[in-house]
């Protein structure tokens, strides 16, 4: 059974284009069908349908279909820390 934080992280990883289902399985022990089931349970119906359309057939979500040119699980600009000066409200 996953904790709330772990469920949130799995959902986030499932939405990310470059995070393959195999990475979720390694980290959380959930297979692709289990991730789909989790997404169906946790998301609103329309949101789940949008996610399924987005993920279905996407090569980057499956390591075996992924191009060898894709070596990172996120883009270079993702997770950058914002400057302290820019984030302060004035």
PDB file of N, CA and C in Angstrom:
ATOM      1  N   UNK A   1       0.847  -1.188   0.000  1.00  0.00           N
ATOM      2  CA  UNK A   1       0.000   0.000   0.000  1.00  0.00           C
ATOM      3  C   UNK A   1       0.889   1.246   0.000  1.00  0.00           C
ATOM      4  N   UNK A   2       0.616   2.148  -0.900  1.00  0.00           N
ATOM      5  CA  UNK A   2       1.414   3.363  -1.006  1.00  0.00           C
ATOM      6  C   UNK A   2       0.899   4.442  -0.061  1.00  0.00           C
ATOM      7  N   UNK A   3       1.841   5.189   0.494  1.00  0.00           N
ATOM      8  CA  UNK A   3       1.493   6.356   1.306  1.00  0.00           C
ATOM      9  C   UNK A   3       1.006   7.467   0.371  1.00  0.00           C
ATOM     10  N   UNK A   4       0.350   8.474   0.929  1.00  0.00           N
ATOM     11  CA  UNK A   4      -0.185   9.585   0.135  1.00  0.00           C
ATOM     12  C   UNK A   4       0.921  10.249  -0.683  1.00  0.00           C
ATOM     13  N   UNK A   5       2.076  10.511  -0.062  1.00  0.00           N
ATOM     14  CA  UNK A   5       3.180  11.152  -0.770  1.00  0.00           C
ATOM     15  C   UNK A   5       3.638  10.293  -1.942  1.00  0.00           C
ATOM     16  N   UNK A   6       3.746   8.974  -1.728  1.00  0.00           N
ATOM     17  CA  UNK A   6       4.190   8.072  -2.791  1.00  0.00           C
ATOM     18  C   UNK A   6       3.185   8.040  -3.940  1.00  0.00           C
ATOM     19  N   UNK A   7       1.904   8.044  -3.632  1.00  0.00           N
ATOM     20  CA  UNK A   7       0.880   8.082  -4.681  1.00  0.00           C
ATOM     21  C   UNK A   7       1.031   9.355  -5.509  1.00  0.00           C
ATOM     22  N   UNK A   8       1.229  10.471  -4.833  1.00  0.00           N
ATOM     23  CA  UNK A   8       1.401  11.748  -5.532  1.00  0.00           C
ATOM     24  C   UNK A   8       2.616  11.707  -6.444  1.00  0.00           C
ATOM     25  N   UNK A   9       3.697  11.121  -5.965  1.00  0.00           N
ATOM     26  CA  UNK A   9       4.919  11.044  -6.768  1.00  0.00           C
ATOM     27  C   UNK A   9       4.734  10.120  -7.969  1.00  0.00           C
ATOM     28  N   UNK A  10       4.047   8.986  -7.787  1.00  0.00           N
ATOM     29  CA  UNK A  10       3.782   8.072  -8.903  1.00  0.00           C
ATOM     30  C   UNK A  10       2.932   8.781  -9.955  1.00  0.00           C
ATOM     31  N   UNK A  11       1.922   9.513  -9.523  1.00  0.00           N
ATOM     32  CA  UNK A  11       1.065  10.251 -10.457  1.00  0.00           C
ATOM     33  C   UNK A  11       1.889  11.287 -11.212  1.00  0.00           C
ATOM     34  N   UNK A  12       2.751  11.990 -10.512  1.00  0.00           N
ATOM     35  CA  UNK A  12       3.621  12.985 -11.155  1.00  0.00           C
ATOM     36  C   UNK A  12       4.520  12.314 -12.187  1.00  0.00           C
ATOM     37  N   UNK A  13       5.123  11.192 -11.820  1.00  0.00           N
ATOM     38  CA  UNK A  13       6.003  10.476 -12.745  1.00  0.00           C
ATOM     39  C   UNK A  13       5.233   9.944 -13.951  1.00  0.00           C
ATOM     40  N   UNK A  14       4.001   9.500 -13.739  1.00  0.00           N
ATOM     41  CA  UNK A  14       3.185   8.982 -14.835  1.00  0.00           C
ATOM     42  C   UNK A  14       2.839  10.096 -15.829  1.00  0.00           C
ATOM     43  N   UNK A  15       2.679  11.328 -15.345  1.00  0.00           N
ATOM     44  CA  UNK A  15       2.375  12.458 -16.229  1.00  0.00           C
ATOM     45  C   UNK A  15       3.607  12.911 -17.012  1.00  0.00           C
ATOM     46  N   UNK A  16       4.785  12.710 -16.463  1.00  0.00           N
ATOM     47  CA  UNK A  16       6.012  13.161 -17.130  1.00  0.00           C
ATOM     48  C   UNK A  16       6.243  12.351 -18.401  1.00  0.00           C
ATOM     49  N   UNK A  17       6.477  13.047 -19.501  1.00  0.00           N
ATOM     50  CA  UNK A  17       6.654  12.379 -20.788  1.00  0.00           C
ATOM     51  C   UNK A  17       7.865  11.460 -20.827  1.00  0.00           C
ATOM     52  N   UNK A  18       8.940  11.858 -20.204  1.00  0.00           N
ATOM     53  CA  UNK A  18      10.183  11.103 -20.324  1.00  0.00           C
ATOM     54  C   UNK A  18      10.407  10.068 -19.231  1.00  0.00           C
ATOM     55  N   UNK A  19       9.513   9.949 -18.295  1.00  0.00           N
ATOM     56  CA  UNK A  19       9.669   8.954 -17.236  1.00  0.00           C
ATOM     57  C   UNK A  19       8.979   7.667 -17.673  1.00  0.00           C
ATOM     58  N   UNK A  20       9.756   6.624 -17.933  1.00  0.00           N
ATOM     59  CA  UNK A  20       9.149   5.371 -18.397  1.00  0.00           C
ATOM     60  C   UNK A  20       8.456   4.619 -17.264  1.00  0.00           C
ATOM     61  N   UNK A  21       7.496   3.784 -17.632  1.00  0.00           N
ATOM     62  CA  UNK A  21       6.801   2.965 -16.647  1.00  0.00           C
ATOM     63  C   UNK A  21       7.791   2.062 -15.902  1.00  0.00           C
ATOM     64  N   UNK A  22       8.853   1.665 -16.577  1.00  0.00           N
ATOM     65  CA  UNK A  22       9.855   0.805 -15.936  1.00  0.00           C
ATOM     66  C   UNK A  22      10.517   1.498 -14.754  1.00  0.00           C
ATOM     67  N   UNK A  23      10.709   2.815 -14.832  1.00  0.00           N
ATOM     68  CA  UNK A  23      11.292   3.571 -13.719  1.00  0.00           C
ATOM     69  C   UNK A  23      10.344   3.569 -12.518  1.00  0.00           C
ATOM     70  N   UNK A  24       9.056   3.694 -12.790  1.00  0.00           N
ATOM     71  CA  UNK A  24       8.064   3.654 -11.710  1.00  0.00           C
ATOM     72  C   UNK A  24       8.072   2.272 -11.066  1.00  0.00           C
ATOM     73  N   UNK A  25       8.202   1.237 -11.896  1.00  0.00           N
ATOM     74  CA  UNK A  25       8.231  -0.122 -11.356  1.00  0.00           C
ATOM     75  C   UNK A  25       9.472  -0.354 -10.492  1.00  0.00           C
ATOM     76  N   UNK A  26      10.606   0.156 -10.919  1.00  0.00           N
ATOM     77  CA  UNK A  26      11.835   0.006 -10.136  1.00  0.00           C
ATOM     78  C   UNK A  26      11.721   0.719  -8.792  1.00  0.00           C
ATOM     79  N   UNK A  27      11.207   1.942  -8.809  1.00  0.00           N
ATOM     80  CA  UNK A  27      11.136   2.752  -7.585  1.00  0.00           C
ATOM     81  C   UNK A  27       9.997   2.358  -6.652  1.00  0.00           C
ATOM     82  N   UNK A  28       8.833   2.000  -7.223  1.00  0.00           N
ATOM     83  CA  UNK A  28       7.648   1.784  -6.397  1.00  0.00           C
ATOM     84  C   UNK A  28       7.045   0.388  -6.518  1.00  0.00           C
ATOM     85  N   UNK A  29       7.588  -0.438  -7.405  1.00  0.00           N
ATOM     86  CA  UNK A  29       7.095  -1.805  -7.547  1.00  0.00           C
ATOM     87  C   UNK A  29       5.753  -1.924  -8.247  1.00  0.00           C
ATOM     88  N   UNK A  30       5.337  -0.875  -8.960  1.00  0.00           N
ATOM     89  CA  UNK A  30       4.056  -0.889  -9.668  1.00  0.00           C
ATOM     90  C   UNK A  30       4.282  -1.135 -11.153  1.00  0.00           C
ATOM     91  N   UNK A  31       3.605  -2.132 -11.699  1.00  0.00           N
ATOM     92  CA  UNK A  31       3.678  -2.400 -13.127  1.00  0.00           C
ATOM     93  C   UNK A  31       2.831  -1.376 -13.877  1.00  0.00           C
ATOM     94  N   UNK A  32       2.948  -1.346 -15.185  1.00  0.00           N
ATOM     95  CA  UNK A  32       2.155  -0.401 -15.979  1.00  0.00           C
ATOM     96  C   UNK A  32       0.655  -0.559 -15.721  1.00  0.00           C
ATOM     97  N   UNK A  33       0.101  -1.795 -15.748  1.00  0.00           N
ATOM     98  CA  UNK A  33      -1.341  -1.917 -15.447  1.00  0.00           C
ATOM     99  C   UNK A  33      -1.710  -1.419 -14.047  1.00  0.00           C
ATOM    100  N   UNK A  34      -0.817  -1.581 -13.082  1.00  0.00           N
ATOM    101  CA  UNK A  34      -1.085  -1.086 -11.726  1.00  0.00           C
ATOM    102  C   UNK A  34      -1.051   0.439 -11.686  1.00  0.00           C
ATOM    103  N   UNK A  35      -0.150   1.047 -12.461  1.00  0.00           N
ATOM    104  CA  UNK A  35      -0.097   2.511 -12.539  1.00  0.00           C
ATOM    105  C   UNK A  35      -1.385   3.023 -13.172  1.00  0.00           C
ATOM    106  N   UNK A  36      -1.833   2.360 -14.232  1.00  0.00           N
ATOM    107  CA  UNK A  36      -3.075   2.755 -14.889  1.00  0.00           C
ATOM    108  C   UNK A  36      -4.238   2.662 -13.909  1.00  0.00           C
ATOM    109  N   UNK A  37      -4.286   1.594 -13.138  1.00  0.00           N
ATOM    110  CA  UNK A  37      -5.350   1.415 -12.140  1.00  0.00           C
ATOM    111  C   UNK A  37      -5.297   2.531 -11.090  1.00  0.00           C
ATOM    112  N   UNK A  38      -4.087   2.852 -10.623  1.00  0.00           N
ATOM    113  CA  UNK A  38      -3.919   3.929  -9.646  1.00  0.00           C
ATOM    114  C   UNK A  38      -4.391   5.260 -10.219  1.00  0.00           C
ATOM    115  N   UNK A  39      -4.008   5.535 -11.444  1.00  0.00           N
ATOM    116  CA  UNK A  39      -4.412   6.785 -12.085  1.00  0.00           C
ATOM    117  C   UNK A  39      -5.937   6.844 -12.222  1.00  0.00           C
ATOM    118  N   UNK A  40      -6.560   5.729 -12.585  1.00  0.00           N
ATOM    119  CA  UNK A  40      -8.018   5.679 -12.732  1.00  0.00           C
ATOM    120  C   UNK A  40      -8.705   5.969 -11.390  1.00  0.00           C
ATOM    121  N   UNK A  41      -8.133   5.442 -10.303  1.00  0.00           N
ATOM    122  CA  UNK A  41      -8.722   5.624  -8.973  1.00  0.00           C
ATOM    123  C   UNK A  41      -8.520   7.036  -8.428  1.00  0.00           C
ATOM    124  N   UNK A  42      -7.370   7.626  -8.706  1.00  0.00           N
ATOM    125  CA  UNK A  42      -6.996   8.888  -8.068  1.00  0.00           C
ATOM    126  C   UNK A  42      -7.380  10.140  -8.865  1.00  0.00           C
ATOM    127  N   UNK A  43      -7.540  10.009 -10.175  1.00  0.00           N
ATOM    128  CA  UNK A  43      -7.835  11.171 -11.005  1.00  0.00           C
ATOM    129  C   UNK A  43      -9.324  11.261 -11.315  1.00  0.00           C
ATOM    130  N   UNK A  44      -9.763  12.453 -11.629  1.00  0.00           N
ATOM    131  CA  UNK A  44     -11.125  12.630 -12.120  1.00  0.00           C
ATOM    132  C   UNK A  44     -11.228  11.924 -13.471  1.00  0.00           C
ATOM    133  N   UNK A  45     -12.422  11.527 -13.833  1.00  0.00           N
ATOM    134  CA  UNK A  45     -12.645  10.749 -15.054  1.00  0.00           C
ATOM    135  C   UNK A  45     -12.070  11.427 -16.296  1.00  0.00           C
ATOM    136  N   UNK A  46     -12.359  12.694 -16.498  1.00  0.00           N
ATOM    137  CA  UNK A  46     -11.875  13.424 -17.679  1.00  0.00           C
ATOM    138  C   UNK A  46     -10.357  13.548 -17.663  1.00  0.00           C
ATOM    139  N   UNK A  47      -9.795  13.790 -16.498  1.00  0.00           N
ATOM    140  CA  UNK A  47      -8.342  13.902 -16.371  1.00  0.00           C
ATOM    141  C   UNK A  47      -7.683  12.574 -16.701  1.00  0.00           C
ATOM    142  N   UNK A  48      -8.261  11.489 -16.219  1.00  0.00           N
ATOM    143  CA  UNK A  48      -7.726  10.161 -16.524  1.00  0.00           C
ATOM    144  C   UNK A  48      -7.775   9.902 -18.031  1.00  0.00           C
ATOM    145  N   UNK A  49      -8.901  10.235 -18.670  1.00  0.00           N
ATOM    146  CA  UNK A  49      -9.019  10.027 -20.121  1.00  0.00           C
ATOM    147  C   UNK A  49      -7.979  10.839 -20.879  1.00  0.00           C
ATOM    148  N   UNK A  50      -7.755  12.086 -20.451  1.00  0.00           N
ATOM    149  CA  UNK A  50      -6.725  12.925 -21.081  1.00  0.00           C
ATOM    150  C   UNK A  50      -5.344  12.304 -20.925  1.00  0.00           C
ATOM    151  N   UNK A  51      -5.060  11.803 -19.740  1.00  0.00           N
ATOM    152  CA  UNK A  51      -3.759  11.164 -19.486  1.00  0.00           C
ATOM    153  C   UNK A  51      -3.580   9.924 -20.359  1.00  0.00           C
ATOM    154  N   UNK A  52      -4.619   9.085 -20.439  1.00  0.00           N
ATOM    155  CA  UNK A  52      -4.537   7.863 -21.247  1.00  0.00           C
ATOM    156  C   UNK A  52      -4.297   8.195 -22.713  1.00  0.00           C
ATOM    157  N   UNK A  53      -4.975   9.205 -23.246  1.00  0.00           N
ATOM    158  CA  UNK A  53      -4.749   9.616 -24.635  1.00  0.00           C
ATOM    159  C   UNK A  53      -3.321  10.098 -24.821  1.00  0.00           C
ATOM    160  N   UNK A  54      -2.827  10.814 -23.846  1.00  0.00           N
ATOM    161  CA  UNK A  54      -1.462  11.356 -23.919  1.00  0.00           C
ATOM    162  C   UNK A  54      -0.412  10.259 -23.867  1.00  0.00           C
ATOM    163  N   UNK A  55      -0.617   9.260 -23.021  1.00  0.00           N
ATOM    164  CA  UNK A  55       0.382   8.219 -22.783  1.00  0.00           C
ATOM    165  C   UNK A  55       0.326   7.098 -23.824  1.00  0.00           C
ATOM    166  N   UNK A  56      -0.854   6.796 -24.308  1.00  0.00           N
ATOM    167  CA  UNK A  56      -1.012   5.672 -25.235  1.00  0.00           C
ATOM    168  C   UNK A  56      -0.146   5.865 -26.481  1.00  0.00           C
ATOM    169  N   UNK A  57       0.718   4.918 -26.717  1.00  0.00           N
ATOM    170  CA  UNK A  57       1.578   4.957 -27.893  1.00  0.00           C
ATOM    171  C   UNK A  57       2.796   5.858 -27.781  1.00  0.00           C
ATOM    172  N   UNK A  58       2.973   6.528 -26.661  1.00  0.00           N
ATOM    173  CA  UNK A  58       4.120   7.428 -26.480  1.00  0.00           C
ATOM    174  C   UNK A  58       5.386   6.599 -26.268  1.00  0.00           C
ATOM    175  N   UNK A  59       6.330   6.746 -27.167  1.00  0.00           N
ATOM    176  CA  UNK A  59       7.542   5.930 -27.122  1.00  0.00           C
ATOM    177  C   UNK A  59       8.387   6.174 -25.882  1.00  0.00           C
ATOM    178  N   UNK A  60       8.365   7.385 -25.362  1.00  0.00           N
ATOM    179  CA  UNK A  60       9.225   7.691 -24.215  1.00  0.00           C
ATOM    180  C   UNK A  60       8.728   7.068 -22.921  1.00  0.00           C
ATOM    181  N   UNK A  61       7.503   6.558 -22.890  1.00  0.00           N
ATOM    182  CA  UNK A  61       6.974   5.939 -21.669  1.00  0.00           C
ATOM    183  C   UNK A  61       7.374   4.470 -21.548  1.00  0.00           C
ATOM    184  N   UNK A  62       8.026   3.926 -22.573  1.00  0.00           N
ATOM    185  CA  UNK A  62       8.441   2.521 -22.567  1.00  0.00           C
ATOM    186  C   UNK A  62       9.906   2.437 -22.988  1.00  0.00           C
ATOM    187  N   UNK A  63      10.753   1.910 -22.126  1.00  0.00           N
ATOM    188  CA  UNK A  63      12.179   1.836 -22.439  1.00  0.00           C
ATOM    189  C   UNK A  63      12.450   1.069 -23.716  1.00  0.00           C
ATOM    190  N   UNK A  64      11.701   0.004 -23.978  1.00  0.00           N
ATOM    191  CA  UNK A  64      11.955  -0.805 -25.164  1.00  0.00           C
ATOM    192  C   UNK A  64      11.625  -0.058 -26.461  1.00  0.00           C
ATOM    193  N   UNK A  65      10.766   0.950 -26.415  1.00  0.00           N
ATOM    194  CA  UNK A  65      10.386   1.720 -27.590  1.00  0.00           C
ATOM    195  C   UNK A  65      11.160   3.031 -27.701  1.00  0.00           C
ATOM    196  N   UNK A  66      11.868   3.389 -26.655  1.00  0.00           N
ATOM    197  CA  UNK A  66      12.533   4.684 -26.563  1.00  0.00           C
ATOM    198  C   UNK A  66      13.766   4.742 -27.458  1.00  0.00           C
ATOM    199  N   UNK A  67      13.963   5.867 -28.077  1.00  0.00           N
ATOM    200  CA  UNK A  67      15.155   6.105 -28.883  1.00  0.00           C
ATOM    201  C   UNK A  67      16.383   6.108 -27.981  1.00  0.00           C
ATOM    202  N   UNK A  68      17.488   5.625 -28.476  1.00  0.00           N
ATOM    203  CA  UNK A  68      18.733   5.633 -27.690  1.00  0.00           C
ATOM    204  C   UNK A  68      19.231   7.052 -27.450  1.00  0.00           C
ATOM    205  N   UNK A  69      18.739   8.011 -28.226  1.00  0.00           N
ATOM    206  CA  UNK A  69      19.136   9.409 -28.057  1.00  0.00           C
ATOM    207  C   UNK A  69      18.566  10.010 -26.776  1.00  0.00           C
ATOM    208  N   UNK A  70      17.512   9.420 -26.232  1.00  0.00           N
ATOM    209  CA  UNK A  70      16.900   9.913 -25.000  1.00  0.00           C
ATOM    210  C   UNK A  70      17.610   9.244 -23.835  1.00  0.00           C
ATOM    211  N   UNK A  71      18.405  10.014 -23.136  1.00  0.00           N
ATOM    212  CA  UNK A  71      19.174   9.439 -22.035  1.00  0.00           C
ATOM    213  C   UNK A  71      18.797  10.011 -20.679  1.00  0.00           C
ATOM    214  N   UNK A  72      17.973  11.045 -20.667  1.00  0.00           N
ATOM    215  CA  UNK A  72      17.586  11.677 -19.411  1.00  0.00           C
ATOM    216  C   UNK A  72      16.107  11.470 -19.169  1.00  0.00           C
ATOM    217  N   UNK A  73      15.712  11.522 -17.889  1.00  0.00           N
ATOM    218  CA  UNK A  73      14.299  11.353 -17.555  1.00  0.00           C
ATOM    219  C   UNK A  73      13.572  12.683 -17.426  1.00  0.00           C
ATOM    220  N   UNK A  74      14.304  13.790 -17.557  1.00  0.00           N
ATOM    221  CA  UNK A  74      13.664  15.108 -17.516  1.00  0.00           C
ATOM    222  C   UNK A  74      14.469  16.074 -18.374  1.00  0.00           C
ATOM    223  N   UNK A  75      13.856  17.176 -18.754  1.00  0.00           N
ATOM    224  CA  UNK A  75      14.561  18.126 -19.598  1.00  0.00           C
ATOM    225  C   UNK A  75      15.564  18.919 -18.757  1.00  0.00           C
ATOM    226  N   UNK A  76      16.515  19.509 -19.429  1.00  0.00           N
ATOM    227  CA  UNK A  76      17.609  20.208 -18.750  1.00  0.00           C
ATOM    228  C   UNK A  76      17.124  21.387 -17.902  1.00  0.00           C
ATOM    229  N   UNK A  77      16.034  22.039 -18.292  1.00  0.00           N
ATOM    230  CA  UNK A  77      15.558  23.208 -17.549  1.00  0.00           C
ATOM    231  C   UNK A  77      14.596  22.847 -16.420  1.00  0.00           C
ATOM    232  N   UNK A  78      14.225  21.593 -16.316  1.00  0.00           N
ATOM    233  CA  UNK A  78      13.291  21.177 -15.273  1.00  0.00           C
ATOM    234  C   UNK A  78      13.996  21.152 -13.921  1.00  0.00           C
ATOM    235  N   UNK A  79      13.291  21.466 -12.871  1.00  0.00           N
ATOM    236  CA  UNK A  79      13.785  21.426 -11.485  1.00  0.00           C
ATOM    237  C   UNK A  79      14.862  22.458 -11.184  1.00  0.00           C
ATOM    238  N   UNK A  80      14.948  23.537 -11.952  1.00  0.00           N
ATOM    239  CA  UNK A  80      15.933  24.581 -11.660  1.00  0.00           C
ATOM    240  C   UNK A  80      15.434  25.435 -10.504  1.00  0.00           C
ATOM    241  N   UNK A  81      16.334  25.794  -9.637  1.00  0.00           N
ATOM    242  CA  UNK A  81      16.000  26.641  -8.496  1.00  0.00           C
ATOM    243  C   UNK A  81      15.916  28.076  -8.985  1.00  0.00           C
ATOM    244  N   UNK A  82      14.839  28.753  -8.625  1.00  0.00           N
ATOM    245  CA  UNK A  82      14.675  30.143  -9.019  1.00  0.00           C
ATOM    246  C   UNK A  82      15.515  31.051  -8.138  1.00  0.00           C
ATOM    247  N   UNK A  83      15.937  32.122  -8.699  1.00  0.00           N
ATOM    248  CA  UNK A  83      16.727  33.104  -7.952  1.00  0.00           C
ATOM    249  C   UNK A  83      15.919  33.629  -6.781  1.00  0.00           C
ATOM    250  N   UNK A  84      16.580  33.832  -5.649  1.00  0.00           N
ATOM    251  CA  UNK A  84      15.897  34.330  -4.444  1.00  0.00           C
ATOM    252  C   UNK A  84      15.307  35.709  -4.689  1.00  0.00           C
ATOM    253  N   UNK A  85      15.993  36.521  -5.491  1.00  0.00           N
ATOM    254  CA  UNK A  85      15.494  37.875  -5.760  1.00  0.00           C
ATOM    255  C   UNK A  85      14.210  37.852  -6.572  1.00  0.00           C
ATOM    256  N   UNK A  86      14.092  36.928  -7.498  1.00  0.00           N
ATOM    257  CA  UNK A  86      12.910  36.864  -8.348  1.00  0.00           C
ATOM    258  C   UNK A  86      11.708  36.299  -7.598  1.00  0.00           C
ATOM    259  N   UNK A  87      11.943  35.418  -6.626  1.00  0.00           N
ATOM    260  CA  UNK A  87      10.826  34.762  -5.961  1.00  0.00           C
ATOM    261  C   UNK A  87      10.225  35.581  -4.815  1.00  0.00           C
ATOM    262  N   UNK A  88      10.933  36.618  -4.357  1.00  0.00           N
ATOM    263  CA  UNK A  88      10.420  37.431  -3.246  1.00  0.00           C
ATOM    264  C   UNK A  88       9.344  38.386  -3.741  1.00  0.00           C
ATOM    265  N   UNK A  89       8.268  38.438  -3.011  1.00  0.00           N
ATOM    266  CA  UNK A  89       7.185  39.378  -3.344  1.00  0.00           C
ATOM    267  C   UNK A  89       7.597  40.765  -2.883  1.00  0.00           C
ATOM    268  N   UNK A  90       7.258  41.739  -3.687  1.00  0.00           N
ATOM    269  CA  UNK A  90       7.642  43.133  -3.333  1.00  0.00           C
ATOM    270  C   UNK A  90       6.445  43.936  -2.970  1.00  0.00           C
TER     271      UNK A  90
END
